[in-house]
């Protein structure tokens, strides 16, 4: 097929009209499409060629040049905008054959009806104190939302008058070619509406919306945490027809200087003097809901943890509570006076050999190391 002319590739005559050419292309594309011929390199090559042929013969300007000068006459026009019509036709053919690009032209017409270029849903960050998130609260939220500019009816165009988008010629989509395939994407100029402003609206500078501030109160549920979102219905941006989107509150919780939260568990580090560890102690410690009694057995290790079940944060979805976890941090005196040194020495002597565990652990090791060098 490589040496055949474009008409021969599509098996049509030079007098064939556009409808006949399109029908022939559709038949050939179905025949050689790679999905229908997996692993067949010859079919893949033929598919590329019939796409090339259709892009030329479906475009009146390119077809006229080809009829007069053949393929060589097209060399200087490969990068021109004249191919765009061929790409549009290719897109519609693929939609008919494979249901591509959103299932046909219906979605495009739906997009054209949307003349405003902003999302109806919006969001705002809400900062909470540590305790506000744990126990819940009522919070005032101040935010800015968008409402359609009345003079231009949200279009951004002077007097609300729109013209066909120059980037996509009103299609709402632009096409890109990769290899032998053609892909469609939403037109970035008109956001898929197929229309754009000939002149900008002077009231909104072409944005299509005005900004307004609002303050309202919202109930923050107990147990909420950073990363959670709260949806507030009908507090978002407003469309030209009055439809209003939702507002999403993105929660951020401030850290506490003593308590550390991990999901629904609360951690606290408890400094304990070494004598309290040696003797054992019973202490009153601060929990998030009041005092808790902590019993520390003699001989407790540094960084050892004690857990109070169900004394943590209530799950925001109502599935129980987390735990309150105390981690021990043993502290030693920075300095000793002479009296304290005497008392500690007396205490050490009272333990005898027990106060020198290293001697028992290392007995025989000195002779063993000496023997290594004999």
Protein backbone atom coordinates (compact mmCIF):
# COMPACT_ATOMS: atom_id res chain seq x y z
CA UNK A 1 0.00 0.00 0.00
CA UNK A 2 2.98 2.31 0.57
CA UNK A 3 3.40 3.23 -3.12
CA UNK A 4 -0.33 3.76 -3.74
CA UNK A 5 -1.85 7.20 -4.05
CA UNK A 6 -4.23 8.51 -1.41
CA UNK A 7 -7.32 7.71 -3.50
CA UNK A 8 -6.13 4.14 -4.04
CA UNK A 9 -5.43 3.76 -0.32
CA UNK A 10 -9.06 4.58 0.49
CA UNK A 11 -10.32 2.78 -2.63
CA UNK A 12 -12.23 5.80 -3.94
CA UNK A 13 -12.14 7.77 -7.20
CA UNK A 14 -10.89 11.34 -7.58
CA UNK A 15 -14.47 12.49 -8.09
CA UNK A 16 -15.62 11.05 -4.73
CA UNK A 17 -17.38 13.56 -2.49
CA UNK A 18 -16.54 14.16 1.18
CA UNK A 19 -19.24 11.80 2.46
CA UNK A 20 -17.98 8.96 0.25
CA UNK A 21 -14.37 9.56 1.35
CA UNK A 22 -15.40 9.54 5.01
CA UNK A 23 -17.37 6.31 4.58
CA UNK A 24 -14.44 4.66 2.79
CA UNK A 25 -12.03 5.77 5.49
CA UNK A 26 -14.31 4.37 8.18
CA UNK A 27 -14.38 0.98 6.46
CA UNK A 28 -10.59 0.88 6.00
CA UNK A 29 -9.91 2.10 9.55
CA UNK A 30 -12.10 -0.65 10.99
CA UNK A 31 -10.26 -3.17 8.84
CA UNK A 32 -6.71 -2.15 9.82
CA UNK A 33 -7.17 -0.81 13.34
CA UNK A 34 -4.41 -2.21 15.65
CA UNK A 35 -6.98 -3.34 18.23
CA UNK A 36 -8.50 -5.61 15.62
CA UNK A 37 -5.08 -6.77 14.36
CA UNK A 38 -2.89 -7.24 17.47
CA UNK A 39 0.75 -7.90 16.60
CA UNK A 40 0.18 -7.36 12.86
CA UNK A 41 2.83 -4.78 11.86
CA UNK A 42 1.59 -4.64 8.26
CA UNK A 43 -1.93 -3.74 9.41
CA UNK A 44 -0.46 -1.09 11.71
CA UNK A 45 1.49 0.44 8.82
CA UNK A 46 -1.62 0.43 6.61
CA UNK A 47 -3.58 2.11 9.39
CA UNK A 48 -1.04 4.92 9.54
CA UNK A 49 -1.21 5.40 5.79
CA UNK A 50 -5.00 5.55 5.51
CA UNK A 51 -5.03 8.10 8.35
CA UNK A 52 -2.53 10.17 6.39
CA UNK A 53 -4.65 9.84 3.26
CA UNK A 54 -7.86 10.84 5.03
CA UNK A 55 -6.29 13.91 6.65
CA UNK A 56 -5.50 15.19 3.16
CA UNK A 57 -8.59 14.14 1.20
CA UNK A 58 -11.02 15.30 3.91
CA UNK A 59 -9.55 18.81 3.81
CA UNK A 60 -10.58 20.80 0.75
CA UNK A 61 -7.47 22.97 0.63
CA UNK A 62 -5.05 20.04 1.04
CA UNK A 63 -7.04 17.91 -1.39
CA UNK A 64 -6.80 20.62 -4.06
CA UNK A 65 -3.03 20.92 -3.60
CA UNK A 66 -2.66 17.12 -3.73
CA UNK A 67 -4.76 16.88 -6.89
CA UNK A 68 -2.56 19.47 -8.63
CA UNK A 69 0.90 18.65 -7.29
CA UNK A 70 0.75 15.27 -5.54
CA UNK A 71 2.49 14.54 -2.23
CA UNK A 72 5.41 16.83 -3.03
CA UNK A 73 3.07 19.80 -3.17
CA UNK A 74 2.00 19.12 0.40
CA UNK A 75 5.50 19.17 1.87
CA UNK A 76 5.41 22.90 2.60
CA UNK A 77 1.98 22.69 4.19
CA UNK A 78 2.46 19.88 6.72
CA UNK A 79 2.69 22.21 9.70
CA UNK A 80 -0.07 24.57 8.62
CA UNK A 81 -3.40 24.97 10.35
CA UNK A 82 -5.20 23.55 7.32
CA UNK A 83 -4.96 20.06 8.74
CA UNK A 84 -7.21 20.96 11.67
CA UNK A 85 -10.34 20.12 9.71
CA UNK A 86 -8.96 16.67 8.99
CA UNK A 87 -8.29 16.15 12.67
CA UNK A 88 -11.88 17.16 13.53
CA UNK A 89 -13.22 14.65 11.02
CA UNK A 90 -10.88 11.97 12.34
CA UNK A 91 -12.19 12.61 15.83
CA UNK A 92 -15.82 12.26 14.76
CA UNK A 93 -15.03 9.06 12.87
CA UNK A 94 -13.36 7.56 15.94
CA UNK A 95 -16.35 8.59 18.04
CA UNK A 96 -18.68 6.78 15.65
CA UNK A 97 -16.51 3.67 15.49
CA UNK A 98 -15.26 3.30 19.05
CA UNK A 99 -17.35 5.71 21.16
CA UNK A 100 -14.23 7.73 21.96
CA UNK A 101 -13.76 11.19 23.36
CA UNK A 102 -16.72 11.08 25.72
CA UNK A 103 -19.06 9.05 23.50
CA UNK A 104 -19.67 11.49 20.67
CA UNK A 105 -20.84 15.02 20.14
CA UNK A 106 -23.46 15.01 22.93
CA UNK A 107 -20.92 15.89 25.59
CA UNK A 108 -19.62 18.77 23.49
CA UNK A 109 -23.08 20.34 23.24
CA UNK A 110 -23.48 19.98 26.97
CA UNK A 111 -20.15 21.74 27.51
CA UNK A 112 -21.20 24.61 25.24
CA UNK A 113 -24.12 25.38 27.55
CA UNK A 114 -21.68 26.12 30.38
CA UNK A 115 -20.59 29.67 29.69
CA UNK A 116 -18.86 30.39 33.02
CA UNK A 117 -15.28 29.33 33.66
CA UNK A 118 -15.02 28.64 37.38
CA UNK A 119 -15.81 25.66 39.60
CA UNK A 120 -18.90 25.80 41.77
CA UNK A 121 -17.26 23.92 44.63
CA UNK A 122 -14.64 25.83 46.62
CA UNK A 123 -12.57 25.30 49.78
CA UNK A 124 -11.04 27.16 52.69
CA UNK A 125 -8.60 26.17 55.46
CA UNK A 126 -9.89 26.24 59.03
CA UNK A 127 -7.28 26.36 61.81
CA UNK A 128 -8.22 24.79 65.16
CA UNK A 129 -6.58 24.81 68.56
CA UNK A 130 -5.57 21.41 69.92
CA UNK A 131 -8.45 21.28 72.41
CA UNK A 132 -11.01 22.57 69.87
CA UNK A 133 -10.33 19.59 67.65
CA UNK A 134 -10.45 17.09 70.52
CA UNK A 135 -13.69 18.25 72.11
CA UNK A 136 -15.39 19.98 69.19
CA UNK A 137 -16.50 23.58 69.04
CA UNK A 138 -18.51 26.17 67.16
CA UNK A 139 -16.28 28.09 64.76
CA UNK A 140 -16.83 31.25 62.74
CA UNK A 141 -15.63 30.80 59.16
CA UNK A 142 -14.87 33.80 56.98
CA UNK A 143 -14.26 33.09 53.30
CA UNK A 144 -14.60 34.48 49.76
CA UNK A 145 -16.86 32.99 47.10
CA UNK A 146 -17.57 33.75 43.44
CA UNK A 147 -20.87 34.83 41.97
CA UNK A 148 -21.59 35.33 38.28
CA UNK A 149 -21.10 38.86 36.97
CA UNK A 150 -24.59 40.16 36.15
CA UNK A 151 -23.76 42.44 33.18
CA UNK A 152 -22.05 39.62 31.27
CA UNK A 153 -24.06 36.75 32.83
CA UNK A 154 -20.88 34.99 33.86
CA UNK A 155 -19.46 34.79 30.34
CA UNK A 156 -16.71 37.38 30.79
CA UNK A 157 -17.81 38.92 27.49
CA UNK A 158 -19.05 42.47 27.06
CA UNK A 159 -22.85 42.41 27.06
CA UNK A 160 -22.72 38.62 27.40
CA UNK A 161 -22.00 38.25 23.69
CA UNK A 162 -19.83 35.26 22.81
CA UNK A 163 -18.29 34.22 19.54
CA UNK A 164 -16.90 30.92 18.33
CA UNK A 165 -13.61 30.11 20.05
CA UNK A 166 -10.71 30.82 17.70
CA UNK A 167 -8.57 28.06 19.21
CA UNK A 168 -10.98 25.17 18.61
CA UNK A 169 -13.31 26.78 16.03
CA UNK A 170 -16.24 26.17 18.39
CA UNK A 171 -15.66 22.44 18.81
CA UNK A 172 -14.77 22.68 22.51
CA UNK A 173 -11.87 20.32 21.88
CA UNK A 174 -8.45 20.50 20.31
CA UNK A 175 -6.73 17.54 18.72
CA UNK A 176 -3.21 16.24 19.03
CA UNK A 177 -1.55 13.63 16.91
CA UNK A 178 0.85 11.09 18.39
CA UNK A 179 2.21 8.66 15.86
CA UNK A 180 -0.73 7.37 13.85
CA UNK A 181 -3.32 8.17 16.54
CA UNK A 182 -5.31 11.36 17.04
CA UNK A 183 -6.36 12.38 20.55
CA UNK A 184 -8.78 15.05 21.74
CA UNK A 185 -8.55 17.21 24.84
CA UNK A 186 -10.64 20.04 26.26
CA UNK A 187 -9.79 23.36 24.65
CA UNK A 188 -7.74 25.35 27.19
CA UNK A 189 -8.96 28.68 25.78
CA UNK A 190 -12.71 28.19 26.20
CA UNK A 191 -12.61 25.38 28.78
CA UNK A 192 -14.65 23.18 26.45
CA UNK A 193 -17.57 25.60 25.92
CA UNK A 194 -16.68 26.25 22.27
CA UNK A 195 -17.21 29.96 22.80
CA UNK A 196 -15.05 32.85 23.89
CA UNK A 197 -15.40 36.58 24.47
CA UNK A 198 -14.88 38.88 21.53
CA UNK A 199 -14.54 41.79 23.99
CA UNK A 200 -13.96 41.54 27.71
CA UNK A 201 -16.63 42.64 30.15
CA UNK A 202 -15.57 45.92 31.76
CA UNK A 203 -17.30 45.14 35.08
CA UNK A 204 -15.41 41.91 35.83
CA UNK A 205 -12.37 42.44 33.54
CA UNK A 206 -13.30 39.29 31.62
CA UNK A 207 -13.25 36.91 34.60
CA UNK A 208 -17.01 36.36 34.51
CA UNK A 209 -17.46 36.62 38.28
CA UNK A 210 -17.47 38.95 41.24
CA UNK A 211 -16.02 38.05 44.64
CA UNK A 212 -17.98 38.34 47.84
CA UNK A 213 -17.15 37.68 51.49
CA UNK A 214 -19.31 35.76 53.91
CA UNK A 215 -19.02 34.72 57.55
CA UNK A 216 -21.02 31.90 59.12
CA UNK A 217 -20.81 29.56 62.11
CA UNK A 218 -20.20 25.85 61.79
CA UNK A 219 -20.23 23.06 64.37
CA UNK A 220 -16.86 21.29 64.47
CA UNK A 221 -17.37 17.66 65.54
CA UNK A 222 -15.45 16.14 68.44
CA UNK A 223 -12.34 14.21 67.40
CA UNK A 224 -11.67 15.93 64.07
CA UNK A 225 -8.04 16.03 62.96
CA UNK A 226 -5.69 17.59 60.42
CA UNK A 227 -6.49 16.36 56.93
CA UNK A 228 -10.21 15.89 57.59
CA UNK A 229 -12.70 17.82 55.46
CA UNK A 230 -16.16 19.11 56.28
CA UNK A 231 -18.62 19.70 53.44
CA UNK A 232 -21.00 22.62 53.90
CA UNK A 233 -23.82 22.35 51.34
CA UNK A 234 -24.70 25.37 49.18
CA UNK A 235 -21.96 27.63 50.48
CA UNK A 236 -19.77 27.45 47.37
CA UNK A 237 -19.59 29.56 44.21
CA UNK A 238 -22.76 30.63 42.39
CA UNK A 239 -23.50 29.96 38.70
CA UNK A 240 -25.38 32.42 36.44
CA UNK A 241 -28.61 30.42 36.87
CA UNK A 242 -28.36 30.59 40.67
CA UNK A 243 -27.04 27.07 41.16
CA UNK A 244 -24.63 27.04 44.09
CA UNK A 245 -21.83 24.60 44.82
CA UNK A 246 -20.51 23.33 48.14
CA UNK A 247 -17.83 24.69 50.45
CA UNK A 248 -15.19 22.30 51.79
CA UNK A 249 -13.48 23.13 55.09
CA UNK A 250 -9.93 21.75 55.16
CA UNK A 251 -9.03 21.19 58.81
CA UNK A 252 -5.62 22.03 60.27
CA UNK A 253 -5.03 21.42 64.00
CA UNK A 254 -2.35 23.28 65.97
CA UNK A 255 0.11 21.14 67.95
CA UNK A 256 0.20 21.17 71.77
CA UNK A 257 3.38 21.79 73.78
CA UNK A 258 2.83 18.73 76.03
CA UNK A 259 0.37 16.35 74.44
CA UNK A 260 1.18 14.57 71.18
CA UNK A 261 -1.69 13.23 69.10
CA UNK A 262 -1.40 10.23 66.77
CA UNK A 263 -4.76 9.42 65.20
CA UNK A 264 -7.02 9.01 68.25
CA UNK A 265 -4.22 8.23 70.73
CA UNK A 266 -2.64 10.87 72.97
CA UNK A 267 0.98 10.61 74.16
CA UNK A 268 2.70 12.47 76.96
CA UNK A 269 6.28 12.20 78.19
CA UNK A 270 6.51 12.04 81.99
CA UNK A 271 9.83 13.07 83.64
CA UNK A 272 10.55 10.88 86.71
CA UNK A 273 13.48 11.35 89.09
CA UNK A 274 15.73 8.31 89.43
CA UNK A 275 14.92 7.88 93.14
CA UNK A 276 11.20 7.61 92.28
CA UNK A 277 12.08 4.85 89.85
CA UNK A 278 14.22 3.08 92.45
CA UNK A 279 11.53 3.27 95.14
CA UNK A 280 8.43 3.09 92.97
CA UNK A 281 5.83 5.85 93.02
CA UNK A 282 2.18 6.72 92.62
CA UNK A 283 1.68 10.03 90.79
CA UNK A 284 -1.22 12.19 89.68
CA UNK A 285 -0.70 13.15 86.05
CA UNK A 286 -2.66 15.42 83.67
CA UNK A 287 -4.96 13.63 81.19
CA UNK A 288 -6.92 15.43 78.49
CA UNK A 289 -10.11 15.21 80.59
CA UNK A 290 -8.62 15.65 84.06
CA UNK A 291 -6.22 13.95 86.48
CA UNK A 292 -5.16 10.33 86.12
CA UNK A 293 -3.39 8.20 88.71
CA UNK A 294 -0.22 6.52 87.48
CA UNK A 295 1.46 3.77 89.46
CA UNK A 296 5.15 3.42 88.63
CA UNK A 297 6.65 0.11 89.84
CA UNK A 298 10.19 0.08 91.21
CA UNK A 299 12.68 -0.72 88.47
CA UNK A 300 10.67 0.84 85.62
CA UNK A 301 12.83 1.29 82.53
CA UNK A 302 13.52 4.52 80.69
CA UNK A 303 11.03 5.11 77.82
CA UNK A 304 8.71 2.43 79.18
CA UNK A 305 5.06 3.16 78.35
CA UNK A 306 1.89 2.92 80.43
CA UNK A 307 -1.50 2.88 78.70
CA UNK A 308 -4.83 4.19 79.92
CA UNK A 309 -7.50 2.55 77.77
CA UNK A 310 -10.23 4.74 76.25
CA UNK A 311 -8.76 7.93 77.71
CA UNK A 312 -7.71 9.30 74.32
CA UNK A 313 -9.66 11.16 71.62
CA UNK A 314 -13.18 10.21 70.62
CA UNK A 315 -13.27 8.89 67.05
CA UNK A 316 -14.79 11.53 64.78
CA UNK A 317 -17.07 8.87 63.27
CA UNK A 318 -18.24 7.69 66.68
CA UNK A 319 -16.27 4.44 66.80
CA UNK A 320 -15.01 4.53 70.40
CA UNK A 321 -12.03 6.36 71.83
CA UNK A 322 -8.28 6.09 71.54
CA UNK A 323 -5.82 5.55 74.40
CA UNK A 324 -3.81 7.86 76.62
CA UNK A 325 -0.18 6.72 76.70
CA UNK A 326 2.45 7.87 79.20
CA UNK A 327 6.12 7.41 78.34
CA UNK A 328 8.66 7.52 81.17
CA UNK A 329 11.74 9.71 80.98
CA UNK A 330 14.17 9.04 83.85
CA UNK A 331 16.02 12.12 85.06
CA UNK A 332 19.25 12.29 87.09
CA UNK A 333 20.67 15.21 89.10
CA UNK A 334 22.91 17.59 87.21
CA UNK A 335 25.18 18.10 90.24
CA UNK A 336 25.61 16.64 93.76
CA UNK A 337 26.65 18.43 96.94
CA UNK A 338 28.97 16.77 99.43
CA UNK A 339 26.14 15.51 101.64
CA UNK A 340 24.37 13.91 98.69
CA UNK A 341 27.59 12.25 97.56
CA UNK A 342 28.13 10.79 101.06
CA UNK A 343 24.58 9.46 101.16
CA UNK A 344 24.89 7.87 97.72
CA UNK A 345 28.21 6.27 98.62
CA UNK A 346 26.66 4.84 101.79
CA UNK A 347 23.75 3.54 99.74
CA UNK A 348 26.10 1.94 97.24
CA UNK A 349 28.15 0.28 99.97
CA UNK A 350 24.97 -1.10 101.52
CA UNK A 351 24.31 -3.09 98.35
CA UNK A 352 27.72 -4.78 98.42
CA UNK A 353 28.61 -6.73 95.29
CA UNK A 354 25.13 -6.04 93.90
CA UNK A 355 26.18 -2.43 93.38
CA UNK A 356 29.00 -3.56 91.07
CA UNK A 357 27.28 -5.73 88.45
CA UNK A 358 30.09 -5.15 85.95
CA UNK A 359 32.54 -7.14 88.11
CA UNK A 360 30.39 -10.23 87.94
CA UNK A 361 29.66 -9.78 84.23
CA UNK A 362 33.32 -9.31 83.27
CA UNK A 363 34.89 -11.89 85.61
CA UNK A 364 37.41 -13.99 83.69
CA UNK A 365 37.35 -11.72 80.65
CA UNK A 366 40.59 -9.93 81.57
CA UNK A 367 42.51 -13.25 81.66
CA UNK A 368 40.80 -14.33 78.46
CA UNK A 369 41.95 -11.21 76.58
CA UNK A 370 45.51 -11.58 77.96
CA UNK A 371 45.66 -15.15 76.61
CA UNK A 372 44.92 -13.84 73.12
CA UNK A 373 48.38 -12.24 73.06
CA UNK A 374 50.41 -15.08 74.72
